[in-house]
Protein backbone atom coordinates (compact mmCIF):
# COMPACT_ATOMS: atom_id res chain seq x y z
CA MET A 1 94.51 95.90 -16.79
CA THR A 2 91.39 97.68 -15.58
CA VAL A 3 91.43 98.32 -11.84
CA GLY A 4 88.51 99.53 -9.75
CA VAL A 5 87.28 99.75 -6.19
CA ALA A 6 84.16 98.77 -4.26
CA LEU A 7 82.65 101.71 -2.38
CA ASP A 8 80.78 101.42 0.90
CA ALA A 9 79.68 104.60 2.65
CA SER A 10 76.87 102.98 4.61
CA GLY A 11 78.26 104.38 7.86
CA ALA A 12 78.15 108.02 6.69
CA PRO A 13 75.43 110.51 7.74
CA ASN A 14 74.25 110.59 4.12
CA GLN A 15 75.30 107.53 2.15
CA VAL A 16 74.59 108.97 -1.28
CA ASP A 17 76.55 112.20 -0.72
CA ALA A 18 79.47 110.31 0.83
CA THR A 19 79.51 107.77 -2.00
CA VAL A 20 79.70 110.50 -4.62
CA ARG A 21 82.63 112.09 -2.81
CA LEU A 22 84.44 108.75 -2.62
CA ALA A 23 83.79 108.09 -6.31
CA GLN A 24 85.22 111.49 -7.23
CA GLU A 25 88.31 110.70 -5.20
CA ALA A 26 88.62 107.27 -6.84
CA ALA A 27 88.44 108.78 -10.32
CA ALA A 28 91.02 111.41 -9.39
CA ALA A 29 93.35 108.63 -8.23
CA GLY A 30 93.13 107.00 -11.66
CA LEU A 31 90.80 104.14 -10.81
CA ARG A 32 88.57 103.06 -13.67
CA SER A 33 85.46 101.70 -11.97
CA ALA A 34 83.36 101.91 -8.82
CA TRP A 35 81.17 99.04 -7.62
CA PHE A 36 78.32 98.93 -5.12
CA GLY A 37 77.08 96.02 -3.06
CA GLN A 38 73.44 95.16 -2.53
CA THR A 39 71.99 94.16 0.82
CA PHE A 40 68.80 95.53 2.40
CA GLY A 41 70.01 99.14 2.42
CA ALA A 42 70.74 101.44 -0.50
CA ASP A 43 69.49 100.46 -3.95
CA SER A 44 72.71 99.70 -5.83
CA PRO A 45 71.56 100.42 -9.42
CA GLN A 46 70.19 103.78 -8.32
CA LEU A 47 73.40 104.55 -6.45
CA ALA A 48 75.43 103.58 -9.52
CA ALA A 49 73.28 105.81 -11.72
CA ILE A 50 73.79 108.80 -9.43
CA VAL A 51 77.54 108.26 -9.22
CA GLY A 52 77.77 107.76 -12.97
CA ARG A 53 76.05 111.11 -13.55
CA GLU A 54 78.16 112.92 -10.99
CA VAL A 55 81.52 111.41 -12.01
CA PRO A 56 81.74 111.37 -15.82
CA GLY A 57 84.02 108.71 -17.28
CA LEU A 58 83.94 106.39 -14.28
CA GLN A 59 82.53 102.92 -15.00
CA VAL A 60 79.95 101.89 -12.39
CA GLY A 61 78.47 98.56 -11.44
CA THR A 62 76.52 96.54 -8.90
CA SER A 63 78.13 93.59 -7.20
CA ALA A 64 75.78 91.99 -6.81
CA ILE A 65 71.96 91.83 -6.75
CA PRO A 66 70.56 88.46 -5.51
CA VAL A 67 68.09 86.86 -7.89
CA PHE A 68 65.86 85.63 -5.05
CA GLY A 69 63.29 88.24 -4.10
CA ARG A 70 63.68 90.05 -7.44
CA HIS A 71 62.01 89.75 -10.84
CA PRO A 72 63.71 90.13 -14.25
CA LEU A 73 61.21 92.79 -15.34
CA LEU A 74 62.04 95.01 -12.38
CA VAL A 75 65.80 94.43 -12.47
CA SER A 76 65.78 95.13 -16.21
CA SER A 77 64.03 98.46 -15.59
CA GLN A 78 66.58 99.39 -12.94
CA ALA A 79 69.55 98.34 -15.05
CA GLN A 80 68.38 100.02 -18.26
CA THR A 81 67.61 103.23 -16.40
CA ALA A 82 71.11 103.22 -14.88
CA GLN A 83 72.57 102.52 -18.31
CA ALA A 84 70.73 105.45 -19.86
CA ALA A 85 71.73 107.70 -16.96
CA THR A 86 75.42 106.84 -17.35
CA HIS A 87 75.44 106.76 -21.17
CA GLY A 88 76.67 103.18 -21.36
CA ARG A 89 78.92 102.95 -18.28
CA TYR A 90 76.74 100.70 -16.10
CA HIS A 91 77.45 97.01 -15.43
CA LEU A 92 74.84 94.78 -13.79
CA GLY A 93 76.05 92.15 -11.35
CA LEU A 94 73.75 89.35 -10.17
CA ALA A 95 74.21 86.78 -7.42
CA LEU A 96 72.54 83.67 -6.08
CA GLY A 97 72.53 85.17 -2.59
CA THR A 98 72.60 83.09 0.58
CA LYS A 99 70.16 80.77 2.29
CA LEU A 100 70.27 82.80 5.51
CA LEU A 101 69.45 86.19 3.96
CA THR A 102 66.96 84.80 1.46
CA GLU A 103 64.90 82.81 3.92
CA THR A 104 65.18 85.22 6.84
CA GLY A 105 64.75 88.43 4.85
CA PHE A 106 62.26 87.46 2.14
CA GLY A 107 60.62 84.43 3.68
CA LEU A 108 61.39 82.50 0.50
CA PRO A 109 62.80 78.98 0.39
CA PHE A 110 66.36 78.93 -0.96
CA GLU A 111 65.61 76.15 -3.41
CA ARG A 112 66.93 75.32 -6.88
CA PRO A 113 69.24 78.36 -7.05
CA ILE A 114 70.96 77.27 -10.28
CA ALA A 115 67.65 76.71 -12.07
CA ARG A 116 66.44 80.10 -10.87
CA LEU A 117 69.65 81.75 -12.07
CA ARG A 118 69.28 80.16 -15.51
CA GLU A 119 65.67 81.29 -15.89
CA PHE A 120 66.43 84.76 -14.53
CA LEU A 121 69.31 85.28 -16.96
CA THR A 122 67.33 83.95 -19.92
CA ALA A 123 64.44 86.36 -19.30
CA LEU A 124 66.71 89.27 -18.41
CA ARG A 125 68.75 88.98 -21.60
CA GLN A 126 65.58 89.15 -23.67
CA LEU A 127 64.58 92.31 -21.83
CA THR A 128 67.90 94.14 -21.93
CA GLU A 129 68.69 93.19 -25.53
CA ASN A 130 65.26 93.46 -27.14
CA GLY A 131 63.11 95.45 -24.74
CA THR A 132 60.57 92.63 -24.74
CA ALA A 133 60.24 89.18 -23.21
CA ASP A 134 58.08 86.12 -23.63
CA PHE A 135 59.54 83.70 -21.12
CA HIS A 136 57.56 81.03 -19.26
CA GLY A 137 59.73 78.84 -17.08
CA GLU A 138 59.21 76.54 -14.14
CA LEU A 139 60.13 79.21 -11.59
CA LEU A 140 59.68 82.52 -13.41
CA THR A 141 57.43 84.14 -15.95
CA ALA A 142 58.39 87.35 -17.73
CA SER A 143 56.11 88.68 -20.43
CA THR A 144 55.76 92.18 -21.85
CA PRO A 145 52.30 93.16 -23.10
CA ILE A 146 53.83 96.64 -23.46
CA PRO A 147 57.45 97.48 -24.38
CA ALA A 148 60.08 97.36 -21.63
CA ARG A 149 62.78 99.31 -23.44
CA VAL A 150 64.29 102.38 -21.74
CA PRO A 151 65.33 104.98 -24.36
CA GLY A 152 69.02 105.67 -24.05
CA ALA A 153 69.87 102.07 -23.14
CA GLU A 154 69.53 100.57 -26.60
CA ALA A 155 73.06 99.16 -26.53
CA GLY A 156 72.04 96.79 -23.76
CA VAL A 157 73.51 96.15 -20.33
CA PRO A 158 76.56 93.98 -19.57
CA VAL A 159 75.44 91.22 -17.20
CA LEU A 160 77.89 89.58 -14.80
CA VAL A 161 77.28 86.91 -12.16
CA ALA A 162 78.98 86.39 -8.81
CA ALA A 163 79.59 82.78 -9.79
CA MET A 164 82.29 80.48 -8.40
CA GLY A 165 80.83 76.96 -8.26
CA PRO A 166 80.90 74.68 -11.34
CA GLN A 167 77.15 74.80 -12.05
CA ALA A 168 76.87 78.58 -11.65
CA LEU A 169 79.97 79.03 -13.82
CA ARG A 170 78.51 76.92 -16.61
CA VAL A 171 75.24 78.88 -16.58
CA SER A 172 77.16 82.17 -16.50
CA GLY A 173 79.41 81.15 -19.37
CA GLU A 174 76.38 80.26 -21.44
CA LEU A 175 74.13 83.23 -20.64
CA ALA A 176 76.13 86.07 -19.03
CA ASP A 177 78.97 88.34 -20.14
CA GLY A 178 81.27 87.36 -17.32
CA ILE A 179 81.62 86.78 -13.60
CA LEU A 180 82.37 88.62 -10.35
CA PRO A 181 84.18 86.13 -8.10
CA TYR A 182 84.95 87.26 -4.53
CA LEU A 183 87.52 85.70 -2.19
CA ALA A 184 88.67 83.51 -5.06
CA GLY A 185 92.47 83.66 -5.15
CA PRO A 186 94.65 83.35 -8.24
CA ARG A 187 95.04 79.58 -7.84
CA ALA A 188 91.29 78.99 -7.74
CA LEU A 189 90.83 81.29 -10.73
CA ALA A 190 93.51 79.67 -12.88
CA GLU A 191 92.84 76.04 -12.02
CA HIS A 192 89.07 75.90 -11.56
CA ILE A 193 87.05 79.03 -12.33
CA VAL A 194 88.47 80.37 -15.59
CA PRO A 195 88.67 76.99 -17.39
CA THR A 196 85.08 76.03 -16.50
CA LEU A 197 83.68 79.45 -17.42
CA THR A 198 85.63 79.72 -20.68
CA ALA A 199 84.65 76.24 -21.82
CA ALA A 200 80.97 76.99 -21.21
CA ALA A 201 81.17 80.27 -23.13
CA GLU A 202 82.94 78.60 -26.05
CA ALA A 203 80.38 75.79 -26.16
CA ALA A 204 77.58 78.38 -26.28
CA GLY A 205 79.32 80.35 -29.04
CA ARG A 206 79.69 83.41 -26.83
CA PRO A 207 82.64 85.83 -26.70
CA ALA A 208 85.44 85.36 -24.20
CA PRO A 209 83.91 86.15 -20.80
CA ARG A 210 85.01 88.93 -18.47
CA ILE A 211 86.47 87.89 -15.13
CA VAL A 212 86.13 90.78 -12.68
CA ALA A 213 88.02 89.55 -9.61
CA LEU A 214 86.95 91.20 -6.35
CA VAL A 215 89.87 91.24 -3.94
CA HIS A 216 89.68 92.20 -0.29
CA GLY A 217 92.85 94.15 0.36
CA VAL A 218 94.71 97.25 1.44
CA VAL A 219 98.23 98.65 1.45
CA THR A 220 99.47 99.02 5.01
CA ASP A 221 102.54 98.78 7.23
CA ASP A 222 100.50 97.37 10.11
CA VAL A 223 99.98 94.03 8.40
CA ASP A 224 99.39 91.76 11.40
CA ALA A 225 96.82 94.01 13.08
CA VAL A 226 94.91 94.69 9.86
CA ARG A 227 94.91 91.02 8.90
CA ALA A 228 93.49 90.16 12.32
CA ARG A 229 90.76 92.74 11.74
CA ALA A 230 90.05 91.25 8.30
CA THR A 231 89.86 87.76 9.80
CA GLU A 232 87.05 88.95 12.05
CA ARG A 233 85.28 90.97 9.35
CA LEU A 234 85.33 88.19 6.76
CA ALA A 235 84.47 85.28 9.07
CA PHE A 236 80.83 85.42 7.92
CA TYR A 237 81.82 84.13 4.47
CA GLU A 238 83.41 81.03 5.94
CA GLN A 239 79.91 79.85 6.93
CA ILE A 240 78.73 79.89 3.30
CA PRO A 241 79.59 76.65 1.43
CA SER A 242 80.42 78.28 -1.91
CA TYR A 243 82.85 80.70 -0.29
CA ALA A 244 84.37 78.06 1.97
CA ARG A 245 85.03 75.90 -1.07
CA VAL A 246 86.68 78.62 -3.14
CA ILE A 247 88.81 79.75 -0.19
CA GLU A 248 90.09 76.19 0.14
CA LEU A 249 90.72 75.94 -3.60
CA SER A 250 92.71 79.16 -3.30
CA GLY A 251 94.98 77.52 -0.73
CA GLY A 252 93.47 79.29 2.29
CA ARG A 253 91.86 78.15 5.51
CA ARG A 254 90.27 81.42 6.59
CA ALA A 255 88.76 84.05 4.29
CA ALA A 256 91.46 86.52 5.31
CA ASP A 257 94.07 84.12 3.95
CA VAL A 258 93.17 85.23 0.41
CA ALA A 259 93.12 88.95 1.27
CA ALA A 260 95.87 91.18 -0.13
CA ILE A 261 97.09 92.99 2.98
CA GLU A 262 100.70 94.01 2.51
CA ASN A 263 103.00 96.84 1.41
CA GLU A 264 102.89 98.40 -2.06
CA LYS A 265 105.30 95.96 -3.66
CA ALA A 266 103.45 92.88 -2.39
CA VAL A 267 99.99 94.20 -3.28
CA GLU A 268 101.16 95.11 -6.77
CA ALA A 269 102.54 91.60 -7.19
CA GLU A 270 99.19 90.17 -6.05
CA VAL A 271 97.29 92.24 -8.60
CA ARG A 272 99.57 90.90 -11.31
CA ARG A 273 98.99 87.34 -10.06
CA TYR A 274 95.26 87.83 -10.59
CA ARG A 275 95.91 89.11 -14.09
CA ASP A 276 98.12 86.13 -14.88
CA ALA A 277 95.41 83.80 -13.53
CA GLY A 278 92.91 85.14 -16.07
CA ALA A 279 91.29 88.16 -14.44
CA THR A 280 90.37 90.78 -17.01
CA GLU A 281 89.63 93.33 -14.27
CA VAL A 282 90.54 93.62 -10.59
CA VAL A 283 88.34 95.42 -8.06
CA PHE A 284 89.56 95.98 -4.50
CA SER A 285 87.09 95.96 -1.63
CA GLY A 286 87.55 96.63 2.07
CA THR A 287 90.16 99.30 1.44
CA ASP A 288 88.82 101.26 4.41
CA ILE A 289 89.74 98.58 6.93
CA ALA A 290 93.03 100.22 7.97
CA GLY A 291 91.83 103.83 8.09
CA GLU A 292 91.75 106.79 5.74
CA ALA A 293 95.48 107.19 5.24
CA ASP A 294 95.99 103.59 4.14
CA ARG A 295 92.85 103.72 1.97
CA ARG A 296 94.25 106.69 0.07
CA ARG A 297 97.63 104.98 -0.13
CA THR A 298 95.95 101.90 -1.58
CA TRP A 299 93.96 103.88 -4.12
CA ALA A 300 97.08 105.71 -5.24
CA LEU A 301 98.81 102.40 -5.97
CA LEU A 302 95.78 100.89 -7.72
CA GLY A 303 95.39 104.03 -9.82
CA GLU A 304 98.96 103.58 -11.04
CA LEU A 305 98.22 99.96 -11.98
CA ALA A 306 95.05 100.82 -13.95
CA ASP A 307 95.48 101.24 -17.70
């Protein structure tokens, strides 16, 4: 069971330096991977490349880059460069994004997201696997009059999608290497997400997909106070239909209902529940919510669970 952690040092005086220090600590604790979100701040593939160079052996990934406002040619260049920098330890995560951030930030209409995801993945796979593309879709064009291969990244780049809805899961099963569901509890994984994804991959003749479950959680003795803090921090996701749906399918009402905020024994049991539900990897996020001591306590436990 591969176990990793999402790193967020955006509040530090120097985000890159602080992220490297956190990644070194994560590796020392026995964690296998470090993941980086993408908003309007730090460039996550570049951050992953730096961490991968500074912390040999640690797998690094982005979770996840929205396809709106990006182009497959540029994302391919970023991903291949990170893959060459880390000698094969980089994992690219993509996402549909949200209507609010897409339309407010980029001034783009959040229209036909599934069609855009399909076209983006189709063009991107050509680029990362062959170093060339000749794709002309309804929404995207990606063509390479000159080669787009980055030497050192010939083995390609694993592509994962932050997919949870049926349509996104079917596209991901057909065209991606796996998924990065967030706030999707074990019940939603086992009963809805894994079966739909696996069936799509099988129908497309692709290998069994990876399911990298992102879990918001921390080991703490102050459970009630930390859960209240998580309820406030995660409330944003309840406004997004895809997250609201998967929270409900997980048996929760609020986003914090699917967070793993408990003592060591309970958090360990929750990690195993994700494994039993079909997760191939578990990545904890929000481990800083209860302070430094509980973060280190959480990482120590997760490091013991990693294999």
